[in-house]
C-alpha atoms as a PDB file:
ATOM      1  CA  MET A   1     -13.579  19.120  -0.276  1.00  0.00           C
ATOM      2  CA  GLU A   2     -12.742  20.917   3.715  1.00  0.00           C
ATOM      3  CA  PRO A   3     -10.217  19.722   5.268  1.00  0.00           C
ATOM      4  CA  VAL A   4     -10.414  17.402   7.629  1.00  0.00           C
ATOM      5  CA  SER A   5      -8.731  17.043  11.134  1.00  0.00           C
ATOM      6  CA  ILE A   6      -9.017  14.088  13.450  1.00  0.00           C
ATOM      7  CA  GLN A   7      -7.157  13.840  16.673  1.00  0.00           C
ATOM      8  CA  ASN A   8      -7.357  11.298  19.963  1.00  0.00           C
ATOM      9  CA  LYS A   9      -5.071   9.027  22.244  1.00  0.00           C
ATOM     10  CA  PHE A  10      -4.864   6.521  19.582  1.00  0.00           C
ATOM     11  CA  GLY A  11      -3.171   9.130  17.054  1.00  0.00           C
ATOM     12  CA  SER A  12      -3.986  11.934  14.626  1.00  0.00           C
ATOM     13  CA  TYR A  13      -5.001  12.235  10.525  1.00  0.00           C
ATOM     14  CA  THR A  14      -5.284  15.286   8.492  1.00  0.00           C
ATOM     15  CA  LEU A  15      -5.870  15.781   4.895  1.00  0.00           C
ATOM     16  CA  SER A  16      -6.596  18.733   2.162  1.00  0.00           C
ATOM     17  CA  ILE A  17      -7.230  18.945  -1.048  1.00  0.00           C
ATOM     18  CA  THR A  18      -6.407  22.470  -2.657  1.00  0.00           C
ATOM     19  CA  THR A  19      -5.890  23.759  -6.284  1.00  0.00           C
ATOM     20  CA  ALA A  20      -3.960  26.730  -7.950  1.00  0.00           C
ATOM     21  CA  ASN A  21      -2.784  27.557 -11.526  1.00  0.00           C
ATOM     22  CA  ASN A  22      -4.976  24.095 -12.539  1.00  0.00           C
ATOM     23  CA  ILE A  23      -2.348  22.218 -10.387  1.00  0.00           C
ATOM     24  CA  ILE A  24      -4.249  19.471  -7.265  1.00  0.00           C
ATOM     25  CA  THR A  25      -2.349  18.734  -4.328  1.00  0.00           C
ATOM     26  CA  TYR A  26      -3.277  16.346  -2.157  1.00  0.00           C
ATOM     27  CA  LYS A  27      -1.870  16.243   1.361  1.00  0.00           C
ATOM     28  CA  ARG A  28      -2.575  13.122   3.819  1.00  0.00           C
ATOM     29  CA  LYS A  29      -0.560  12.749   7.394  1.00  0.00           C
ATOM     30  CA  LEU A  30      -1.583   9.403   9.283  1.00  0.00           C
ATOM     31  CA  ILE A  31       0.463   9.535  13.089  1.00  0.00           C
ATOM     32  CA  LEU A  32      -0.606   5.915  15.101  1.00  0.00           C
ATOM     33  CA  ASN A  33       0.331   6.564  18.797  1.00  0.00           C
ATOM     34  CA  LYS A  34       2.231   3.312  20.027  1.00  0.00           C
ATOM     35  CA  GLY A  35       0.503   2.185  23.273  1.00  0.00           C
ATOM     36  CA  SER A  36      -1.515  -0.335  24.774  1.00  0.00           C
ATOM     37  CA  TYR A  37      -5.065   0.046  25.164  1.00  0.00           C
ATOM     38  CA  SER A  38      -8.015  -1.464  27.351  1.00  0.00           C
ATOM     39  CA  LYS A  39     -10.092  -3.874  25.251  1.00  0.00           C
ATOM     40  CA  GLU A  40     -12.895  -0.666  25.885  1.00  0.00           C
ATOM     41  CA  ASP A  41     -11.056   1.346  23.946  1.00  0.00           C
ATOM     42  CA  TYR A  42     -11.226  -0.981  20.541  1.00  0.00           C
ATOM     43  CA  GLU A  43     -14.712   0.342  19.688  1.00  0.00           C
ATOM     44  CA  LYS A  44     -13.262   3.870  19.794  1.00  0.00           C
ATOM     45  CA  PHE A  45      -9.803   3.472  18.065  1.00  0.00           C
ATOM     46  CA  ARG A  46     -12.121   1.511  15.256  1.00  0.00           C
ATOM     47  CA  ASN A  47     -14.251   3.937  14.832  1.00  0.00           C
ATOM     48  CA  PHE A  48     -10.630   6.365  14.186  1.00  0.00           C
ATOM     49  CA  TYR A  49      -9.839   3.763  11.982  1.00  0.00           C
ATOM     50  CA  LEU A  50     -13.329   3.408  10.431  1.00  0.00           C
ATOM     51  CA  SER A  51     -13.384   7.363  10.053  1.00  0.00           C
ATOM     52  CA  VAL A  52      -9.563   7.377   8.387  1.00  0.00           C
ATOM     53  CA  LYS A  53     -10.699   4.818   5.955  1.00  0.00           C
ATOM     54  CA  LYS A  54     -13.959   6.926   4.652  1.00  0.00           C
ATOM     55  CA  HIS A  55     -11.735  10.265   3.851  1.00  0.00           C
ATOM     56  CA  ASP A  56      -9.049   7.889   2.044  1.00  0.00           C
ATOM     57  CA  ASN A  57     -11.827   6.683   0.030  1.00  0.00           C
ATOM     58  CA  SER A  58     -13.492   9.981  -0.955  1.00  0.00           C
ATOM     59  CA  LYS A  59     -13.570  10.665  -4.505  1.00  0.00           C
ATOM     60  CA  ILE A  60     -12.705  13.656  -6.567  1.00  0.00           C
ATOM     61  CA  VAL A  61     -14.493  14.273  -9.403  1.00  0.00           C
ATOM     62  CA  PHE A  62     -13.331  16.172 -12.600  1.00  0.00           C
ATOM     63  CA  ASN A  63     -15.457  18.084 -14.611  1.00  0.00           C
ATOM     64  CA  SER A  64     -14.379  19.428 -18.201  1.00  0.00           C
ATOM     65  CA  LYS A  65     -14.703  23.164 -18.634  1.00  0.00           C
ATOM     66  CA  THR A  66     -15.297  22.668 -22.362  1.00  0.00           C
END
């Protein structure tokens, strides 16, 4: 899976999954910025949240080598 990075005025989100020596490393970081936003920004915030949710719900598939 390719690393994910989303940044906008609402916050930032990064996700990466790496493997090395039979070890899987899952790194996730979500920062929500404080603030008051107009009702016109609601849809942009909702899209940011839905994008974070989509990546958080992604699956990892394990395949046996034997």
